[in-house]
Amino acid sequence: QPGGSLRLSCVASGSTGSIVHMAWY
């Protein structure tokens, strides 16, 4: 509902050590 909250998660796998930055679109 409007005014409410949610928490999104993103789990990465693979060559995660090469990640420069992450983002939400």
PDB file of all heavy atoms in Angstrom:
ATOM      1  N   GLN A   1       0.831  -1.202   0.000  1.00  0.00           N
ATOM      2  CA  GLN A   1       0.000   0.000   0.000  1.00  0.00           C
ATOM      3  C   GLN A   1       0.865   1.252   0.000  1.00  0.00           C
ATOM      4  O   GLN A   1       2.016   1.224   0.463  1.00  0.00           O
ATOM      5  CB  GLN A   1      -0.911   0.000   1.224  1.00  0.00           C
ATOM      6  CG  GLN A   1      -1.979  -1.071   1.201  1.00  0.00           C
ATOM      7  CD  GLN A   1      -2.957  -0.940   2.343  1.00  0.00           C
ATOM      8  OE1 GLN A   1      -2.692  -0.269   3.351  1.00  0.00           O
ATOM      9  NE2 GLN A   1      -4.118  -1.558   2.190  1.00  0.00           N
ATOM     10  N   PRO A   2       0.341   2.344  -0.513  1.00  0.00           N
ATOM     11  CA  PRO A   2       1.082   3.612  -0.438  1.00  0.00           C
ATOM     12  C   PRO A   2       1.490   3.928   0.998  1.00  0.00           C
ATOM     13  O   PRO A   2       0.710   3.729   1.930  1.00  0.00           O
ATOM     14  CB  PRO A   2       0.075   4.634  -0.967  1.00  0.00           C
ATOM     15  CG  PRO A   2      -0.797   3.847  -1.886  1.00  0.00           C
ATOM     16  CD  PRO A   2      -0.928   2.483  -1.244  1.00  0.00           C
ATOM     17  N   GLY A   3       2.733   4.374   1.140  1.00  0.00           N
ATOM     18  CA  GLY A   3       3.281   4.638   2.462  1.00  0.00           C
ATOM     19  C   GLY A   3       3.991   3.462   3.078  1.00  0.00           C
ATOM     20  O   GLY A   3       4.663   3.609   4.113  1.00  0.00           O
ATOM     21  N   GLY A   4       3.852   2.302   2.467  1.00  0.00           N
ATOM     22  CA  GLY A   4       4.463   1.100   2.998  1.00  0.00           C
ATOM     23  C   GLY A   4       5.924   0.952   2.610  1.00  0.00           C
ATOM     24  O   GLY A   4       6.514   1.829   1.983  1.00  0.00           O
ATOM     25  N   SER A   5       6.492  -0.185   3.002  1.00  0.00           N
ATOM     26  CA  SER A   5       7.907  -0.455   2.754  1.00  0.00           C
ATOM     27  C   SER A   5       8.097  -1.836   2.146  1.00  0.00           C
ATOM     28  O   SER A   5       7.286  -2.743   2.358  1.00  0.00           O
ATOM     29  CB  SER A   5       8.695  -0.391   4.075  1.00  0.00           C
ATOM     30  OG  SER A   5       8.634   0.890   4.651  1.00  0.00           O
ATOM     31  N   LEU A   6       9.173  -1.961   1.396  1.00  0.00           N
ATOM     32  CA  LEU A   6       9.621  -3.236   0.852  1.00  0.00           C
ATOM     33  C   LEU A   6      11.135  -3.242   0.849  1.00  0.00           C
ATOM     34  O   LEU A   6      11.765  -2.183   0.752  1.00  0.00           O
ATOM     35  CB  LEU A   6       9.129  -3.447  -0.583  1.00  0.00           C
ATOM     36  CG  LEU A   6       7.721  -3.970  -0.823  1.00  0.00           C
ATOM     37  CD1 LEU A   6       7.443  -4.027  -2.323  1.00  0.00           C
ATOM     38  CD2 LEU A   6       7.495  -5.326  -0.183  1.00  0.00           C
ATOM     39  N   ARG A   7      11.697  -4.443   0.918  1.00  0.00           N
ATOM     40  CA  ARG A   7      13.144  -4.594   0.809  1.00  0.00           C
ATOM     41  C   ARG A   7      13.451  -5.578  -0.299  1.00  0.00           C
ATOM     42  O   ARG A   7      13.061  -6.750  -0.218  1.00  0.00           O
ATOM     43  CB  ARG A   7      13.740  -5.093   2.121  1.00  0.00           C
ATOM     44  CG  ARG A   7      15.251  -5.044   2.171  1.00  0.00           C
ATOM     45  CD  ARG A   7      15.784  -5.762   3.388  1.00  0.00           C
ATOM     46  NE  ARG A   7      17.173  -5.442   3.674  1.00  0.00           N
ATOM     47  CZ  ARG A   7      17.992  -6.215   4.375  1.00  0.00           C
ATOM     48  NH1 ARG A   7      17.545  -7.358   4.869  1.00  0.00           N
ATOM     49  NH2 ARG A   7      19.224  -5.833   4.610  1.00  0.00           N
ATOM     50  N   LEU A   8      14.126  -5.089  -1.315  1.00  0.00           N
ATOM     51  CA  LEU A   8      14.539  -5.933  -2.431  1.00  0.00           C
ATOM     52  C   LEU A   8      15.937  -6.471  -2.167  1.00  0.00           C
ATOM     53  O   LEU A   8      16.771  -5.787  -1.581  1.00  0.00           O
ATOM     54  CB  LEU A   8      14.526  -5.149  -3.735  1.00  0.00           C
ATOM     55  CG  LEU A   8      13.226  -4.454  -4.117  1.00  0.00           C
ATOM     56  CD1 LEU A   8      13.378  -3.788  -5.492  1.00  0.00           C
ATOM     57  CD2 LEU A   8      12.062  -5.411  -4.114  1.00  0.00           C
ATOM     58  N   SER A   9      16.169  -7.681  -2.646  1.00  0.00           N
ATOM     59  CA  SER A   9      17.482  -8.298  -2.535  1.00  0.00           C
ATOM     60  C   SER A   9      17.970  -8.712  -3.915  1.00  0.00           C
ATOM     61  O   SER A   9      17.168  -9.052  -4.787  1.00  0.00           O
ATOM     62  CB  SER A   9      17.427  -9.528  -1.629  1.00  0.00           C
ATOM     63  OG  SER A   9      17.017  -9.192  -0.326  1.00  0.00           O
ATOM     64  N   CYS A  10      19.276  -8.702  -4.088  1.00  0.00           N
ATOM     65  CA  CYS A  10      19.906  -9.176  -5.324  1.00  0.00           C
ATOM     66  C   CYS A  10      21.112 -10.005  -4.920  1.00  0.00           C
ATOM     67  O   CYS A  10      22.031  -9.484  -4.270  1.00  0.00           O
ATOM     68  CB  CYS A  10      20.312  -8.013  -6.205  1.00  0.00           C
ATOM     69  SG  CYS A  10      21.305  -8.496  -7.640  1.00  0.00           S
ATOM     70  N   VAL A  11      21.087 -11.260  -5.293  1.00  0.00           N
ATOM     71  CA  VAL A  11      22.210 -12.150  -5.010  1.00  0.00           C
ATOM     72  C   VAL A  11      23.003 -12.361  -6.290  1.00  0.00           C
ATOM     73  O   VAL A  11      22.431 -12.726  -7.325  1.00  0.00           O
ATOM     74  CB  VAL A  11      21.727 -13.494  -4.445  1.00  0.00           C
ATOM     75  CG1 VAL A  11      22.911 -14.423  -4.226  1.00  0.00           C
ATOM     76  CG2 VAL A  11      20.960 -13.275  -3.146  1.00  0.00           C
ATOM     77  N   ALA A  12      24.293 -12.127  -6.208  1.00  0.00           N
ATOM     78  CA  ALA A  12      25.189 -12.291  -7.355  1.00  0.00           C
ATOM     79  C   ALA A  12      25.977 -13.584  -7.222  1.00  0.00           C
ATOM     80  O   ALA A  12      26.325 -14.012  -6.122  1.00  0.00           O
ATOM     81  CB  ALA A  12      26.137 -11.103  -7.451  1.00  0.00           C
ATOM     82  N   SER A  13      26.264 -14.194  -8.356  1.00  0.00           N
ATOM     83  CA  SER A  13      27.105 -15.386  -8.374  1.00  0.00           C
ATOM     84  C   SER A  13      27.973 -15.344  -9.614  1.00  0.00           C
ATOM     85  O   SER A  13      27.717 -14.590 -10.548  1.00  0.00           O
ATOM     86  CB  SER A  13      26.252 -16.662  -8.347  1.00  0.00           C
ATOM     87  OG  SER A  13      25.380 -16.711  -9.456  1.00  0.00           O
ATOM     88  N   GLY A  14      28.997 -16.170  -9.618  1.00  0.00           N
ATOM     89  CA  GLY A  14      29.936 -16.179 -10.741  1.00  0.00           C
ATOM     90  C   GLY A  14      31.163 -15.346 -10.416  1.00  0.00           C
ATOM     91  O   GLY A  14      31.667 -15.400  -9.297  1.00  0.00           O
ATOM     92  N   SER A  15      31.598 -14.554 -11.367  1.00  0.00           N
ATOM     93  CA  SER A  15      32.825 -13.752 -11.213  1.00  0.00           C
ATOM     94  C   SER A  15      32.535 -12.456 -10.469  1.00  0.00           C
ATOM     95  O   SER A  15      32.781 -11.353 -10.968  1.00  0.00           O
ATOM     96  CB  SER A  15      33.418 -13.454 -12.583  1.00  0.00           C
ATOM     97  OG  SER A  15      33.725 -14.651 -13.269  1.00  0.00           O
ATOM     98  N   THR A  16      32.082 -12.587  -9.239  1.00  0.00           N
ATOM     99  CA  THR A  16      31.654 -11.411  -8.475  1.00  0.00           C
ATOM    100  C   THR A  16      32.817 -10.520  -8.065  1.00  0.00           C
ATOM    101  O   THR A  16      32.628  -9.340  -7.783  1.00  0.00           O
ATOM    102  CB  THR A  16      30.859 -11.839  -7.232  1.00  0.00           C
ATOM    103  OG1 THR A  16      31.680 -12.693  -6.427  1.00  0.00           O
ATOM    104  CG2 THR A  16      29.578 -12.572  -7.618  1.00  0.00           C
ATOM    105  N   GLY A  17      34.007 -11.077  -8.033  1.00  0.00           N
ATOM    106  CA  GLY A  17      35.169 -10.275  -7.667  1.00  0.00           C
ATOM    107  C   GLY A  17      35.523  -9.208  -8.690  1.00  0.00           C
ATOM    108  O   GLY A  17      36.247  -8.262  -8.378  1.00  0.00           O
ATOM    109  N   SER A  18      34.986  -9.340  -9.888  1.00  0.00           N
ATOM    110  CA  SER A  18      35.275  -8.375 -10.948  1.00  0.00           C
ATOM    111  C   SER A  18      34.244  -7.248 -11.021  1.00  0.00           C
ATOM    112  O   SER A  18      34.358  -6.364 -11.862  1.00  0.00           O
ATOM    113  CB  SER A  18      35.335  -9.098 -12.295  1.00  0.00           C
ATOM    114  OG  SER A  18      34.105  -9.721 -12.580  1.00  0.00           O
ATOM    115  N   ILE A  19      33.262  -7.277 -10.127  1.00  0.00           N
ATOM    116  CA  ILE A  19      32.211  -6.251 -10.154  1.00  0.00           C
ATOM    117  C   ILE A  19      32.773  -4.904  -9.698  1.00  0.00           C
ATOM    118  O   ILE A  19      33.358  -4.798  -8.627  1.00  0.00           O
ATOM    119  CB  ILE A  19      31.021  -6.652  -9.263  1.00  0.00           C
ATOM    120  CG1 ILE A  19      30.333  -7.885  -9.845  1.00  0.00           C
ATOM    121  CG2 ILE A  19      30.032  -5.497  -9.143  1.00  0.00           C
ATOM    122  CD1 ILE A  19      29.216  -8.429  -8.980  1.00  0.00           C
ATOM    123  N   VAL A  20      32.578  -3.888 -10.525  1.00  0.00           N
ATOM    124  CA  VAL A  20      33.043  -2.537 -10.210  1.00  0.00           C
ATOM    125  C   VAL A  20      31.987  -1.796  -9.409  1.00  0.00           C
ATOM    126  O   VAL A  20      32.280  -1.157  -8.394  1.00  0.00           O
ATOM    127  CB  VAL A  20      33.372  -1.758 -11.499  1.00  0.00           C
ATOM    128  CG1 VAL A  20      33.778  -0.332 -11.171  1.00  0.00           C
ATOM    129  CG2 VAL A  20      34.470  -2.470 -12.276  1.00  0.00           C
ATOM    130  N   HIS A  21      30.766  -1.830  -9.871  1.00  0.00           N
ATOM    131  CA  HIS A  21      29.680  -1.257  -9.113  1.00  0.00           C
ATOM    132  C   HIS A  21      28.387  -2.000  -9.411  1.00  0.00           C
ATOM    133  O   HIS A  21      28.284  -2.718 -10.415  1.00  0.00           O
ATOM    134  CB  HIS A  21      29.508   0.237  -9.377  1.00  0.00           C
ATOM    135  CG  HIS A  21      29.197   0.586 -10.792  1.00  0.00           C
ATOM    136  ND1 HIS A  21      30.126   1.139 -11.637  1.00  0.00           N
ATOM    137  CD2 HIS A  21      28.053   0.493 -11.508  1.00  0.00           C
ATOM    138  CE1 HIS A  21      29.563   1.354 -12.814  1.00  0.00           C
ATOM    139  NE2 HIS A  21      28.315   0.977 -12.762  1.00  0.00           N
ATOM    140  N   MET A  22      27.426  -1.825  -8.521  1.00  0.00           N
ATOM    141  CA  MET A  22      26.114  -2.436  -8.680  1.00  0.00           C
ATOM    142  C   MET A  22      25.049  -1.357  -8.534  1.00  0.00           C
ATOM    143  O   MET A  22      25.293  -0.298  -7.944  1.00  0.00           O
ATOM    144  CB  MET A  22      25.886  -3.544  -7.645  1.00  0.00           C
ATOM    145  CG  MET A  22      26.861  -4.706  -7.775  1.00  0.00           C
ATOM    146  SD  MET A  22      26.493  -6.071  -6.664  1.00  0.00           S
ATOM    147  CE  MET A  22      24.997  -6.746  -7.426  1.00  0.00           C
ATOM    148  N   ALA A  23      23.884  -1.662  -9.070  1.00  0.00           N
ATOM    149  CA  ALA A  23      22.829  -0.660  -9.055  1.00  0.00           C
ATOM    150  C   ALA A  23      21.459  -1.317  -9.143  1.00  0.00           C
ATOM    151  O   ALA A  23      21.339  -2.494  -9.503  1.00  0.00           O
ATOM    152  CB  ALA A  23      22.999   0.315 -10.219  1.00  0.00           C
ATOM    153  N   TRP A  24      20.463  -0.536  -8.809  1.00  0.00           N
ATOM    154  CA  TRP A  24      19.064  -0.898  -9.041  1.00  0.00           C
ATOM    155  C   TRP A  24      18.508   0.045 -10.101  1.00  0.00           C
ATOM    156  O   TRP A  24      18.681   1.274 -10.008  1.00  0.00           O
ATOM    157  CB  TRP A  24      18.249  -0.769  -7.761  1.00  0.00           C
ATOM    158  CG  TRP A  24      18.543  -1.817  -6.744  1.00  0.00           C
ATOM    159  CD1 TRP A  24      19.373  -1.717  -5.668  1.00  0.00           C
ATOM    160  CD2 TRP A  24      18.004  -3.134  -6.703  1.00  0.00           C
ATOM    161  NE1 TRP A  24      19.398  -2.885  -4.965  1.00  0.00           N
ATOM    162  CE2 TRP A  24      18.544  -3.788  -5.580  1.00  0.00           C
ATOM    163  CE3 TRP A  24      17.096  -3.848  -7.498  1.00  0.00           C
ATOM    164  CZ2 TRP A  24      18.227  -5.098  -5.238  1.00  0.00           C
ATOM    165  CZ3 TRP A  24      16.777  -5.146  -7.157  1.00  0.00           C
ATOM    166  CH2 TRP A  24      17.341  -5.761  -6.033  1.00  0.00           C
ATOM    167  N   TYR A  25      17.842  -0.529 -11.072  1.00  0.00           N
ATOM    168  CA  TYR A  25      17.109   0.219 -12.068  1.00  0.00           C
ATOM    169  C   TYR A  25      15.643  -0.195 -11.963  1.00  0.00           C
ATOM    170  O   TYR A  25      15.314  -1.219 -11.374  1.00  0.00           O
ATOM    171  CB  TYR A  25      17.613  -0.100 -13.479  1.00  0.00           C
ATOM    172  CG  TYR A  25      18.918   0.554 -13.845  1.00  0.00           C
ATOM    173  CD1 TYR A  25      20.122   0.092 -13.314  1.00  0.00           C
ATOM    174  CD2 TYR A  25      18.955   1.620 -14.745  1.00  0.00           C
ATOM    175  CE1 TYR A  25      21.325   0.695 -13.673  1.00  0.00           C
ATOM    176  CE2 TYR A  25      20.151   2.219 -15.102  1.00  0.00           C
ATOM    177  CZ  TYR A  25      21.324   1.748 -14.564  1.00  0.00           C
ATOM    178  OH  TYR A  25      22.511   2.347 -14.914  1.00  0.00           O
TER     179      TYR A  25
END
